[in-house]
Amino acid sequence: MERNLRKERIGVVVSNKMEKTIVVAVARKVKHPIYGKFVNKTTKFVAESLDETCREGDTVRIMETRPLSKTKRWRLVQIIERAK
């Protein structure tokens, strides 16, 4: 049996204070339904980071996974860019 495709997101680490867990903010542009202006929307995802090498400000790729805890449904795939 073949697995379904997993969603992937690219975002910035906003918190790494928990053990083996990071919080990733993913920004997207959404067109306002009435005014037509593009508005920035941010969604925070709680992701599993077993190696604990991420720092705040890092750009990372996360992938959807099975529920790991009450809020964790994503896991770290790759660190794309380190924070300065």
C-alpha atoms as a PDB file:
ATOM      1  CA  MET A   1       0.000   0.000   0.000  1.00  0.00           C
ATOM      2  CA  GLU A   2       1.316   3.430  -0.959  1.00  0.00           C
ATOM      3  CA  ARG A   3       1.509   6.370   1.437  1.00  0.00           C
ATOM      4  CA  ASN A   4      -0.189   9.657   0.611  1.00  0.00           C
ATOM      5  CA  LEU A   5       1.853  12.740  -0.151  1.00  0.00           C
ATOM      6  CA  ARG A   6       2.857  14.713   2.937  1.00  0.00           C
ATOM      7  CA  LYS A   7       2.441  18.489   3.072  1.00  0.00           C
ATOM      8  CA  GLU A   8       5.635  20.518   3.345  1.00  0.00           C
ATOM      9  CA  ARG A   9       6.057  24.089   4.529  1.00  0.00           C
ATOM     10  CA  ILE A  10       8.997  26.489   4.720  1.00  0.00           C
ATOM     11  CA  GLY A  11       9.135  28.894   7.641  1.00  0.00           C
ATOM     12  CA  VAL A  12      11.217  30.616  10.306  1.00  0.00           C
ATOM     13  CA  VAL A  13      11.917  29.176  13.773  1.00  0.00           C
ATOM     14  CA  VAL A  14      10.390  31.502  16.388  1.00  0.00           C
ATOM     15  CA  SER A  15      10.978  29.334  19.482  1.00  0.00           C
ATOM     16  CA  ASN A  16      13.299  26.471  20.418  1.00  0.00           C
ATOM     17  CA  LYS A  17      12.887  26.547  24.193  1.00  0.00           C
ATOM     18  CA  MET A  18      11.162  23.151  24.479  1.00  0.00           C
ATOM     19  CA  GLU A  19      12.968  19.828  24.439  1.00  0.00           C
ATOM     20  CA  LYS A  20      13.034  18.224  20.960  1.00  0.00           C
ATOM     21  CA  THR A  21      10.413  20.742  19.779  1.00  0.00           C
ATOM     22  CA  ILE A  22      10.453  23.939  17.732  1.00  0.00           C
ATOM     23  CA  VAL A  23       7.784  26.446  16.772  1.00  0.00           C
ATOM     24  CA  VAL A  24       7.869  27.483  13.105  1.00  0.00           C
ATOM     25  CA  ALA A  25       6.068  30.558  11.739  1.00  0.00           C
ATOM     26  CA  VAL A  26       4.937  30.166   8.121  1.00  0.00           C
ATOM     27  CA  ALA A  27       3.980  33.409   6.354  1.00  0.00           C
ATOM     28  CA  ARG A  28       1.719  33.625   3.310  1.00  0.00           C
ATOM     29  CA  LYS A  29       0.113  36.401   1.299  1.00  0.00           C
ATOM     30  CA  VAL A  30      -3.693  36.371   1.043  1.00  0.00           C
ATOM     31  CA  LYS A  31      -5.766  38.697  -1.108  1.00  0.00           C
ATOM     32  CA  HIS A  32      -8.348  40.619   0.892  1.00  0.00           C
ATOM     33  CA  PRO A  33     -11.824  39.626  -0.354  1.00  0.00           C
ATOM     34  CA  ILE A  34     -13.206  43.183  -0.562  1.00  0.00           C
ATOM     35  CA  TYR A  35     -10.287  45.572  -0.915  1.00  0.00           C
ATOM     36  CA  GLY A  36      -8.066  43.381  -3.099  1.00  0.00           C
ATOM     37  CA  LYS A  37      -4.948  44.267  -1.117  1.00  0.00           C
ATOM     38  CA  PHE A  38      -2.532  41.446  -0.275  1.00  0.00           C
ATOM     39  CA  VAL A  39      -2.253  40.880   3.478  1.00  0.00           C
ATOM     40  CA  ASN A  40       0.474  38.905   5.284  1.00  0.00           C
ATOM     41  CA  LYS A  41      -0.933  36.021   7.347  1.00  0.00           C
ATOM     42  CA  THR A  42       1.229  33.972   9.712  1.00  0.00           C
ATOM     43  CA  THR A  43       0.526  30.472  11.000  1.00  0.00           C
ATOM     44  CA  LYS A  44       2.574  28.827  13.761  1.00  0.00           C
ATOM     45  CA  PHE A  45       3.320  25.106  13.568  1.00  0.00           C
ATOM     46  CA  VAL A  46       4.766  23.023  16.419  1.00  0.00           C
ATOM     47  CA  ALA A  47       7.322  20.609  14.976  1.00  0.00           C
ATOM     48  CA  GLU A  48       9.526  17.783  16.223  1.00  0.00           C
ATOM     49  CA  SER A  49      13.277  18.470  16.119  1.00  0.00           C
ATOM     50  CA  LEU A  50      15.103  15.443  17.513  1.00  0.00           C
ATOM     51  CA  ASP A  51      18.665  16.688  16.936  1.00  0.00           C
ATOM     52  CA  GLU A  52      17.922  20.075  18.632  1.00  0.00           C
ATOM     53  CA  THR A  53      20.273  21.993  16.302  1.00  0.00           C
ATOM     54  CA  CYS A  54      17.766  24.699  15.305  1.00  0.00           C
ATOM     55  CA  ARG A  55      18.110  28.232  16.620  1.00  0.00           C
ATOM     56  CA  GLU A  56      15.626  31.099  16.527  1.00  0.00           C
ATOM     57  CA  GLY A  57      15.674  32.815  13.140  1.00  0.00           C
ATOM     58  CA  ASP A  58      16.681  29.722  11.140  1.00  0.00           C
ATOM     59  CA  THR A  59      14.742  29.051   7.936  1.00  0.00           C
ATOM     60  CA  VAL A  60      13.571  25.436   7.939  1.00  0.00           C
ATOM     61  CA  ARG A  61      11.479  22.956   5.947  1.00  0.00           C
ATOM     62  CA  ILE A  62       8.887  20.961   7.929  1.00  0.00           C
ATOM     63  CA  MET A  63       6.774  17.992   6.862  1.00  0.00           C
ATOM     64  CA  GLU A  64       3.382  16.762   8.028  1.00  0.00           C
ATOM     65  CA  THR A  65       3.421  13.593  10.134  1.00  0.00           C
ATOM     66  CA  ARG A  66       1.201  11.561  12.463  1.00  0.00           C
ATOM     67  CA  PRO A  67       0.150  13.237  15.738  1.00  0.00           C
ATOM     68  CA  LEU A  68       3.161  13.169  18.070  1.00  0.00           C
ATOM     69  CA  SER A  69       1.543  15.054  20.966  1.00  0.00           C
ATOM     70  CA  LYS A  70      -1.441  17.308  21.668  1.00  0.00           C
ATOM     71  CA  THR A  71      -0.166  20.049  19.328  1.00  0.00           C
ATOM     72  CA  LYS A  72       2.719  18.432  17.380  1.00  0.00           C
ATOM     73  CA  ARG A  73       1.803  17.206  13.879  1.00  0.00           C
ATOM     74  CA  TRP A  74       4.923  18.290  11.957  1.00  0.00           C
ATOM     75  CA  ARG A  75       8.581  17.289  11.918  1.00  0.00           C
ATOM     76  CA  LEU A  76      11.762  19.013  10.842  1.00  0.00           C
ATOM     77  CA  VAL A  77      13.095  17.883   7.456  1.00  0.00           C
ATOM     78  CA  GLN A  78      15.932  20.294   6.723  1.00  0.00           C
ATOM     79  CA  ILE A  79      17.552  23.512   7.900  1.00  0.00           C
ATOM     80  CA  ILE A  80      17.634  25.680   4.779  1.00  0.00           C
ATOM     81  CA  GLU A  81      19.408  28.753   6.141  1.00  0.00           C
ATOM     82  CA  ARG A  82      21.045  29.536   9.473  1.00  0.00           C
ATOM     83  CA  ALA A  83      20.250  32.723  11.384  1.00  0.00           C
ATOM     84  CA  LYS A  84      22.933  35.399  11.249  1.00  0.00           C
END
